[in-house]
């Protein structure tokens, strides 16, 4: 699959990203080398944006679930008796193996229940700046700016619903990377935060590339 100007514009590429890939002569490359070039140039968020738009349904749901599973324990550590986010991820997994309308609807319902968990966590953790910010950021548009342990726990299930699909999968990955960095006690250290975030980004992107490779 070649990444063309038409493909990028149909997917809603940003002007900055389009200009950069054009200047660096990436247009026309197959998806795998195109994404690898982005990674080599530290354009990790752009690589994440593109990778889900090259995937088929099962792949991008699997990608979102993998990302969520990297950090769901952070939520469970703070809310050990609340299994709603775990159930949401489990419901999304069913859609990978058997993407029936029944399973997709069940995933949506499980995700809605997990949203309630986010709201409850926000109220319960109001005195904890990090936990409160994480819960509040569940509704943030730009996950890259969020400390979002709670959103990532339920958003994978939304990825099982066609209306949210690829964009949600990319959101989960961005959120997971932010959460992992904060959990590494790097929240007040900008350099350490950036390193921890990058490590998680690369781990998840490598998994995504494996999924793309398996599509061939």
Protein backbone atom coordinates (compact mmCIF):
# COMPACT_ATOMS: atom_id res chain seq x y z
CA UNK A 1 0.00 0.00 0.00
CA UNK A 2 1.53 3.29 -1.14
CA UNK A 3 1.04 6.49 0.85
CA UNK A 4 -0.02 9.05 -1.73
CA UNK A 5 -1.02 12.69 -1.53
CA UNK A 6 -4.62 11.65 -2.17
CA UNK A 7 -4.54 9.10 0.67
CA UNK A 8 -3.11 11.59 3.18
CA UNK A 9 -5.56 14.34 2.30
CA UNK A 10 -8.52 11.95 2.45
CA UNK A 11 -7.41 10.96 5.97
CA UNK A 12 -7.17 14.61 7.05
CA UNK A 13 -3.42 15.08 7.29
CA UNK A 14 -2.36 18.33 8.95
CA UNK A 15 -0.61 20.97 6.87
CA UNK A 16 2.60 20.76 8.90
CA UNK A 17 2.80 16.99 8.55
CA UNK A 18 2.03 17.03 4.83
CA UNK A 19 4.63 19.69 4.11
CA UNK A 20 7.26 17.79 6.09
CA UNK A 21 6.71 14.43 4.35
CA UNK A 22 6.63 16.16 0.98
CA UNK A 23 9.89 18.02 1.65
CA UNK A 24 11.52 14.80 2.84
CA UNK A 25 10.32 12.87 -0.23
CA UNK A 26 8.23 10.30 1.64
CA UNK A 27 5.20 10.61 -0.64
CA UNK A 28 4.85 7.46 -2.74
CA UNK A 29 6.60 5.13 -0.31
CA UNK A 30 4.86 1.98 0.87
CA UNK A 31 3.29 2.22 4.32
CA UNK A 32 5.97 0.31 6.25
CA UNK A 33 9.03 2.31 5.04
CA UNK A 34 6.99 5.53 5.25
CA UNK A 35 6.16 4.91 8.92
CA UNK A 36 9.70 3.77 9.68
CA UNK A 37 11.03 7.03 8.19
CA UNK A 38 8.75 8.99 10.51
CA UNK A 39 10.03 6.99 13.48
CA UNK A 40 13.67 7.46 12.44
CA UNK A 41 13.07 11.22 12.38
CA UNK A 42 11.37 11.19 15.79
CA UNK A 43 7.96 12.02 14.32
CA UNK A 44 6.37 9.49 16.63
CA UNK A 45 2.98 11.14 17.00
CA UNK A 46 2.68 11.39 13.23
CA UNK A 47 3.68 7.73 12.90
CA UNK A 48 0.94 6.82 15.36
CA UNK A 49 -1.59 8.94 13.43
CA UNK A 50 -0.72 7.21 10.17
CA UNK A 51 -0.35 3.65 11.36
CA UNK A 52 -3.98 3.29 12.44
CA UNK A 53 -5.16 4.74 9.14
CA UNK A 54 -3.31 2.00 7.31
CA UNK A 55 -4.83 -0.77 9.42
CA UNK A 56 -7.94 -2.84 8.97
CA UNK A 57 -10.58 -3.00 11.68
CA UNK A 58 -9.16 -5.91 13.69
CA UNK A 59 -5.64 -4.49 13.59
CA UNK A 60 -6.47 -1.07 14.94
CA UNK A 61 -8.65 -2.49 17.70
CA UNK A 62 -5.79 -4.85 18.64
CA UNK A 63 -3.42 -1.87 18.57
CA UNK A 64 -5.65 0.13 20.92
CA UNK A 65 -6.09 -2.82 23.27
CA UNK A 66 -2.33 -3.41 23.42
CA UNK A 67 -1.75 0.23 24.33
CA UNK A 68 -4.46 0.20 26.99
CA UNK A 69 -3.04 -2.95 28.55
CA UNK A 70 0.33 -1.29 29.03
CA UNK A 71 -1.15 1.08 31.61
CA UNK A 72 -4.48 -0.24 32.83
CA UNK A 73 -2.75 -1.46 35.99
CA UNK A 74 -2.16 2.18 36.91
CA UNK A 75 -5.90 2.73 37.13
CA UNK A 76 -6.39 -0.52 39.02
CA UNK A 77 -3.67 0.41 41.49
CA UNK A 78 -5.61 3.54 42.37
CA UNK A 79 -9.07 1.94 42.15
CA UNK A 80 -8.51 -1.77 42.96
CA UNK A 81 -12.19 -2.58 43.41
CA UNK A 82 -13.34 -1.11 40.11
CA UNK A 83 -13.23 -3.62 37.26
CA UNK A 84 -15.22 -1.58 34.73
CA UNK A 85 -12.19 -0.43 32.71
CA UNK A 86 -10.85 -4.00 32.63
CA UNK A 87 -14.24 -5.22 31.40
CA UNK A 88 -14.20 -2.57 28.68
CA UNK A 89 -10.84 -3.78 27.42
CA UNK A 90 -12.03 -7.39 27.57
CA UNK A 91 -15.11 -6.48 25.53
CA UNK A 92 -12.92 -4.80 22.92
CA UNK A 93 -10.82 -7.96 22.68
CA UNK A 94 -13.90 -9.95 21.72
CA UNK A 95 -14.31 -7.66 18.73
CA UNK A 96 -10.86 -8.61 17.48
CA UNK A 97 -11.70 -12.30 17.23
CA UNK A 98 -15.37 -11.93 16.40
CA UNK A 99 -16.42 -8.43 15.26
CA UNK A 100 -20.16 -9.02 15.23
CA UNK A 101 -22.64 -6.23 15.82
CA UNK A 102 -23.51 -7.91 19.12
CA UNK A 103 -19.91 -7.77 20.31
CA UNK A 104 -19.47 -4.21 19.09
CA UNK A 105 -22.58 -3.12 20.95
CA UNK A 106 -21.38 -4.92 24.08
CA UNK A 107 -18.04 -3.12 23.80
CA UNK A 108 -19.82 0.21 23.53
CA UNK A 109 -21.91 -0.52 26.63
CA UNK A 110 -18.80 -1.63 28.55
CA UNK A 111 -17.06 1.57 27.52
CA UNK A 112 -19.99 3.64 28.73
CA UNK A 113 -19.76 1.91 32.11
CA UNK A 114 -16.06 2.70 32.23
CA UNK A 115 -16.85 6.37 31.57
CA UNK A 116 -18.87 6.28 34.78
CA UNK A 117 -15.74 4.95 36.48
CA UNK A 118 -13.83 7.96 35.20
CA UNK A 119 -16.41 10.32 36.63
CA UNK A 120 -16.32 8.55 39.99
CA UNK A 121 -12.53 8.62 40.05
CA UNK A 122 -12.52 12.34 39.35
CA UNK A 123 -14.70 12.94 42.39
CA UNK A 124 -12.80 10.55 44.64
CA UNK A 125 -9.37 11.85 43.72
CA UNK A 126 -10.02 15.58 43.83
CA UNK A 127 -7.26 16.12 46.40
CA UNK A 128 -4.71 14.21 44.37
CA UNK A 129 -3.50 16.53 41.62
CA UNK A 130 -2.17 13.81 39.32
CA UNK A 131 -5.16 11.47 39.69
CA UNK A 132 -7.63 14.33 39.32
CA UNK A 133 -5.92 15.61 36.20
CA UNK A 134 -5.93 12.10 34.78
CA UNK A 135 -9.66 11.71 35.28
CA UNK A 136 -10.53 15.17 34.02
CA UNK A 137 -8.36 14.66 30.94
CA UNK A 138 -10.44 11.66 29.90
CA UNK A 139 -12.43 14.05 27.76
CA UNK A 140 -9.48 15.98 26.39
CA UNK A 141 -9.23 16.21 22.62
CA UNK A 142 -5.44 16.12 22.54
CA UNK A 143 -4.27 13.10 24.50
CA UNK A 144 -0.65 14.10 24.00
CA UNK A 145 -1.23 16.95 26.45
CA UNK A 146 -3.06 14.73 28.96
CA UNK A 147 -2.05 12.76 32.03
CA UNK A 148 -4.74 10.27 31.22
CA UNK A 149 -4.63 6.98 33.12
CA UNK A 150 -8.40 6.77 33.23
CA UNK A 151 -9.24 7.56 29.63
CA UNK A 152 -6.86 4.96 28.31
CA UNK A 153 -8.55 2.27 30.38
CA UNK A 154 -11.90 2.59 28.64
CA UNK A 155 -11.14 4.11 25.27
CA UNK A 156 -10.04 0.79 23.75
CA UNK A 157 -13.63 -0.38 23.90
CA UNK A 158 -14.72 2.68 21.96
CA UNK A 159 -12.21 1.65 19.30
CA UNK A 160 -14.38 -1.42 18.75
CA UNK A 161 -17.21 0.84 17.55
CA UNK A 162 -16.97 1.91 13.92
CA UNK A 163 -17.89 5.55 14.55
CA UNK A 164 -14.79 6.13 16.72
CA UNK A 165 -12.49 3.54 15.20
CA UNK A 166 -9.05 4.58 13.98
CA UNK A 167 -8.99 8.02 15.59
CA UNK A 168 -9.76 6.46 18.96
CA UNK A 169 -7.04 3.86 18.55
CA UNK A 170 -4.52 6.64 17.97
CA UNK A 171 -5.91 8.49 21.01
CA UNK A 172 -5.42 5.45 23.24
CA UNK A 173 -1.79 5.15 22.19
CA UNK A 174 -1.07 8.83 22.87
CA UNK A 175 -2.73 8.59 26.27
CA UNK A 176 -0.90 5.39 27.19
CA UNK A 177 2.45 7.02 26.48
CA UNK A 178 1.62 10.01 28.70
CA UNK A 179 0.43 7.74 31.50
CA UNK A 180 3.50 5.53 31.37
CA UNK A 181 5.77 8.55 31.65
CA UNK A 182 3.92 9.91 34.67
CA UNK A 183 3.85 6.51 36.36
CA UNK A 184 7.62 6.39 36.02
CA UNK A 185 7.70 9.31 38.50
CA UNK A 186 8.80 11.68 35.75
CA UNK A 187 5.95 14.16 35.99
CA UNK A 188 8.13 16.95 37.40
CA UNK A 189 11.24 16.13 35.37
CA UNK A 190 10.78 17.21 31.77
CA UNK A 191 13.75 15.27 30.42
CA UNK A 192 12.90 12.05 32.22
CA UNK A 193 9.26 12.42 31.20
CA UNK A 194 10.24 12.78 27.55
CA UNK A 195 12.47 9.70 27.73
CA UNK A 196 9.82 7.54 29.41
CA UNK A 197 7.16 8.70 26.99
CA UNK A 198 9.35 7.97 23.98
CA UNK A 199 10.14 4.47 25.24
CA UNK A 200 6.43 3.66 25.47
CA UNK A 201 5.71 5.26 22.10
CA UNK A 202 8.36 3.10 20.43
CA UNK A 203 7.16 -0.06 22.17
CA UNK A 204 3.59 0.45 20.96
CA UNK A 205 4.60 1.57 17.47
CA UNK A 206 6.74 -1.56 17.08
CA UNK A 207 3.69 -3.64 17.93
CA UNK A 208 1.67 -1.68 15.40
CA UNK A 209 4.27 -2.34 12.71
CA UNK A 210 4.05 -6.06 13.48
CA UNK A 211 0.30 -5.87 12.98
CA UNK A 212 0.79 -4.14 9.62
CA UNK A 213 3.34 -6.75 8.61
CA UNK A 214 0.85 -9.51 9.40
CA UNK A 215 -1.70 -7.90 7.07
CA UNK A 216 0.41 -8.71 4.02
